Protein backbone atom coordinates (compact mmCIF):
# COMPACT_ATOMS: atom_id res chain seq x y z
CA MET A 1 -8.60 -52.26 -68.02
CA SER A 2 -9.06 -56.00 -68.46
CA GLU A 3 -7.98 -57.65 -71.70
CA MET A 4 -11.60 -58.36 -72.68
CA LYS A 5 -12.61 -54.73 -72.06
CA GLN A 6 -9.62 -53.63 -74.13
CA VAL A 7 -10.75 -55.84 -77.05
CA ARG A 8 -14.33 -54.53 -76.82
CA SER A 9 -13.07 -50.94 -76.73
CA LEU A 10 -10.94 -51.53 -79.84
CA ILE A 11 -13.89 -53.12 -81.65
CA LYS A 12 -16.08 -50.09 -80.84
CA GLN A 13 -13.37 -47.76 -82.16
CA ALA A 14 -12.99 -49.78 -85.37
CA ASP A 15 -16.78 -49.92 -85.89
CA ALA A 16 -17.04 -46.14 -85.38
CA CYS A 17 -14.29 -45.52 -87.97
CA CYS A 18 -16.06 -47.82 -90.41
CA ALA A 19 -19.40 -46.04 -89.87
CA GLN A 20 -17.74 -42.70 -90.66
CA GLY A 21 -16.21 -44.03 -93.90
CA GLN A 22 -12.67 -44.16 -92.50
CA PHE A 23 -12.02 -47.60 -93.96
CA ALA A 24 -8.23 -47.58 -93.92
CA GLU A 25 -8.22 -46.68 -90.23
CA SER A 26 -10.91 -49.23 -89.35
CA ARG A 27 -9.04 -51.93 -91.29
CA GLY A 28 -5.90 -51.17 -89.28
CA LYS A 29 -7.81 -51.41 -86.00
CA TYR A 30 -9.45 -54.72 -86.98
CA GLU A 31 -6.02 -56.11 -87.87
CA GLU A 32 -4.68 -54.89 -84.52
CA ILE A 33 -7.53 -56.70 -82.74
CA LEU A 34 -6.87 -59.94 -84.63
CA SER A 35 -3.19 -59.73 -83.73
CA PHE A 36 -4.07 -59.12 -80.07
CA LEU A 37 -6.46 -62.09 -80.04
CA GLU A 38 -3.82 -64.32 -81.65
CA SER A 39 -1.27 -63.47 -78.97
CA ASN A 40 -3.76 -63.90 -76.08
CA ARG A 41 -5.08 -67.41 -76.61
CA ASN A 42 -6.44 -67.73 -73.06
CA LEU A 43 -9.15 -65.08 -73.56
CA GLN A 44 -12.72 -66.23 -73.07
CA ASN A 45 -14.70 -66.47 -76.36
CA ARG A 46 -11.48 -65.77 -78.32
CA GLU A 47 -12.54 -67.93 -81.29
CA LYS A 48 -15.95 -66.25 -81.63
CA LEU A 49 -14.39 -62.80 -81.40
CA THR A 50 -11.74 -63.74 -83.97
CA GLU A 51 -14.43 -64.96 -86.36
CA ALA A 52 -16.60 -61.83 -85.88
CA VAL A 53 -13.70 -59.40 -86.32
CA GLY A 54 -12.41 -61.35 -89.33
CA GLU A 55 -15.84 -61.03 -90.97
CA ARG A 56 -15.87 -57.27 -90.37
CA LEU A 57 -12.40 -57.00 -91.88
CA ARG A 58 -13.53 -58.93 -94.98
CA ASP A 59 -16.51 -56.55 -95.35
CA VAL A 60 -14.22 -53.51 -95.17
CA ASN A 61 -11.88 -55.00 -97.78
CA ALA A 62 -14.81 -55.92 -100.06
CA ASP A 63 -16.05 -52.32 -100.16
CA LEU A 64 -12.54 -50.78 -99.97
CA LYS A 65 -12.51 -53.49 -104.21
CA SER A 66 -16.17 -52.85 -105.52
CA VAL A 67 -15.62 -49.09 -105.58
CA ARG A 68 -12.30 -49.50 -107.41
CA ASP A 69 -14.17 -51.52 -110.06
CA ILE A 70 -16.78 -48.73 -110.40
CA LEU A 71 -14.03 -46.14 -110.83
CA VAL A 72 -12.21 -48.20 -113.49
CA SER A 73 -15.47 -48.71 -115.40
CA SER A 74 -16.28 -44.99 -115.23
CA LEU A 75 -12.85 -43.96 -116.50
CA ARG A 76 -13.02 -46.45 -119.37
CA LYS A 77 -16.46 -45.19 -120.43
CA LYS A 78 -15.08 -41.64 -120.52
CA GLY A 79 -12.19 -42.76 -122.75
CA MET A 80 -9.69 -42.32 -119.95
CA SER A 81 -8.54 -45.92 -119.61
CA ASP A 82 -4.92 -44.75 -119.79
CA LEU A 83 -5.39 -43.38 -116.24
CA VAL A 84 -6.34 -46.76 -114.79
CA PRO A 85 -2.81 -48.21 -114.37
CA ALA A 86 -1.59 -44.96 -112.79
CA LEU A 87 -4.25 -45.22 -110.09
CA SER A 88 -3.51 -48.83 -109.21
CA GLY A 89 -1.95 -49.11 -105.78
CA GLU A 90 -2.09 -45.38 -105.05
CA ILE A 91 -5.36 -45.09 -103.23
CA LEU A 92 -7.79 -47.28 -101.42
CA THR A 93 -11.38 -46.30 -102.17
CA SER A 94 -13.66 -46.01 -99.23
CA VAL A 95 -17.20 -45.71 -100.52
CA LYS A 96 -20.03 -47.58 -98.87
CA ALA A 97 -23.38 -48.45 -100.40
CA PRO A 98 -25.36 -45.32 -101.44
CA ASP A 99 -27.90 -45.68 -98.61
CA ASP A 100 -25.16 -46.10 -95.99
CA PHE A 101 -22.97 -43.13 -96.91
CA LEU A 102 -23.09 -40.00 -94.79
CA ALA A 103 -24.61 -36.93 -96.45
CA ILE A 104 -21.79 -34.48 -97.18
CA SER A 105 -22.72 -30.80 -97.16
CA SER A 106 -19.35 -29.25 -98.05
CA ILE A 107 -15.70 -30.07 -98.53
CA LYS A 108 -12.41 -28.27 -97.97
CA ILE A 109 -9.59 -29.13 -100.40
CA HIS A 110 -5.93 -28.38 -99.70
CA PHE A 111 -3.85 -28.27 -102.90
CA TYR A 112 -0.20 -29.27 -103.06
CA ASP A 113 0.50 -28.60 -106.74
CA GLY A 114 -0.56 -26.60 -109.80
CA LYS A 115 -1.79 -23.01 -109.81
CA ARG A 116 -3.46 -23.52 -106.43
CA HIS A 117 -0.32 -24.85 -104.68
CA ARG A 118 -0.57 -24.35 -100.90
CA TYR A 119 -4.11 -23.04 -101.30
CA THR A 120 -7.25 -24.21 -99.50
CA VAL A 121 -10.73 -23.86 -100.96
CA ASP A 122 -14.19 -24.54 -99.51
CA LEU A 123 -16.84 -25.88 -101.90
CA ASP A 124 -20.50 -26.72 -101.36
CA VAL A 125 -21.81 -30.10 -102.45
CA VAL A 126 -24.61 -29.59 -105.00
CA TYR A 127 -25.81 -33.18 -104.71
CA GLN A 128 -24.48 -36.59 -103.76
CA ILE A 129 -25.18 -40.17 -104.76
CA GLY A 130 -23.36 -42.53 -102.42
CA GLY A 131 -19.67 -41.73 -102.67
CA LEU A 132 -20.01 -39.53 -105.76
CA ALA A 133 -20.48 -35.83 -104.95
CA SER A 134 -20.88 -32.91 -107.34
CA LEU A 135 -19.27 -29.57 -106.55
CA GLY A 136 -20.26 -26.20 -107.96
CA VAL A 137 -17.33 -24.10 -109.22
CA SER A 138 -17.53 -20.58 -110.61
CA SER A 139 -16.70 -20.55 -114.34
CA ALA A 140 -14.68 -17.38 -113.67
CA ASP A 141 -12.23 -19.20 -111.39
CA ARG A 142 -9.98 -20.63 -114.10
CA ALA A 143 -7.15 -21.49 -111.69
CA LEU A 144 -9.48 -23.63 -109.58
CA LEU A 145 -11.01 -25.32 -112.64
CA ASP A 146 -7.50 -26.13 -113.90
CA SER A 147 -6.73 -27.69 -110.50
CA LEU A 148 -9.84 -29.89 -110.76
CA GLN A 149 -9.15 -31.57 -114.12
CA LEU A 150 -10.53 -35.02 -114.96
CA GLY A 151 -8.54 -37.82 -113.39
CA LYS A 152 -6.96 -35.54 -110.76
CA THR A 153 -6.40 -37.22 -107.39
CA LEU A 154 -6.90 -34.85 -104.46
CA ARG A 155 -5.10 -36.19 -101.42
CA ASP A 156 -6.08 -33.81 -98.61
CA ILE A 157 -9.83 -33.23 -98.30
CA ARG A 158 -11.97 -32.49 -95.27
CA PHE A 159 -15.55 -33.75 -95.66
CA ASP A 160 -18.21 -31.96 -93.58
CA THR A 161 -21.45 -33.77 -92.71
CA PRO A 162 -24.28 -32.82 -90.35
CA VAL A 163 -22.96 -35.28 -87.73
CA THR A 164 -19.18 -35.45 -88.19
CA VAL A 165 -16.11 -34.27 -90.05
CA PHE A 166 -13.67 -36.71 -91.64
CA ARG A 167 -10.61 -36.54 -93.86
CA GLY A 168 -9.86 -38.46 -97.01
CA ALA A 169 -9.06 -38.18 -100.68
CA GLY A 170 -10.96 -38.11 -103.95
CA ILE A 171 -10.72 -38.37 -107.71
CA ILE A 172 -12.34 -36.01 -110.23
CA THR A 173 -14.31 -38.36 -112.50
CA ARG A 174 -16.67 -36.08 -114.47
CA LYS A 175 -17.39 -32.47 -115.34
CA SER A 176 -20.39 -30.64 -116.76
CA LEU A 177 -22.10 -27.24 -116.85
CA ILE A 178 -25.02 -26.07 -114.73
CA GLU A 179 -27.73 -25.33 -117.27
CA LYS A 180 -30.54 -24.02 -115.05
CA GLY A 181 -31.08 -22.09 -111.84
CA SER A 182 -29.01 -19.50 -109.99
CA GLY A 183 -25.71 -21.22 -110.83
CA LYS A 184 -26.40 -21.36 -114.57
CA GLY A 185 -23.17 -21.25 -116.59
CA ASN A 186 -20.99 -22.42 -113.71
CA ASP A 187 -19.11 -25.70 -113.76
CA LEU A 188 -19.82 -28.93 -111.91
CA ARG A 189 -17.00 -31.24 -110.91
CA TYR A 190 -17.83 -34.77 -109.77
CA ILE A 191 -15.55 -36.22 -107.11
CA LEU A 192 -15.45 -39.91 -106.17
CA LEU A 193 -14.62 -40.08 -102.49
CA ALA A 194 -11.65 -42.16 -101.49
CA GLU A 195 -9.21 -42.77 -98.67
CA GLU A 196 -5.45 -42.91 -99.11
CA ARG A 197 -3.40 -46.02 -98.34
């Protein structure tokens, strides 16, 4: 494979990761491309490629900050500002604009602590707005509800969409009760989708 074909292949891979919401992985690939371009100065159109890839990397990083600001604001409004410093530096949020985010139908969470240690649970997404998804949880499942407390960071989640499956993390930002319909009396947990550093 020629060097130019290699660069184009890497760009396609990075773009695909970005389109699937895998921002940490796409950022790593864009950085790899920039490093490759820097060390191969004789490539044709190297400067244009460097500029284009640099712009994509800036876009990924800009997302990766705006969502962090939304999370901090949400936690402060809920009187949970003491959680903000603990989250700093632990995760890199990966939410795109609401219209760009893939529709998630269900998630699978693997727990590593608490009453659900080494337990995996599948939950349906009730509804989703951008990177914020609500999950229906039976009010009778106290152990699961305890494992989904406000501010909890879940580090091993599989997100299922109609077109793909991807892995990431999330933070429980809200909770409420279902007041109408077949799930009346059950709990809702709102999870802000994120991707680990």
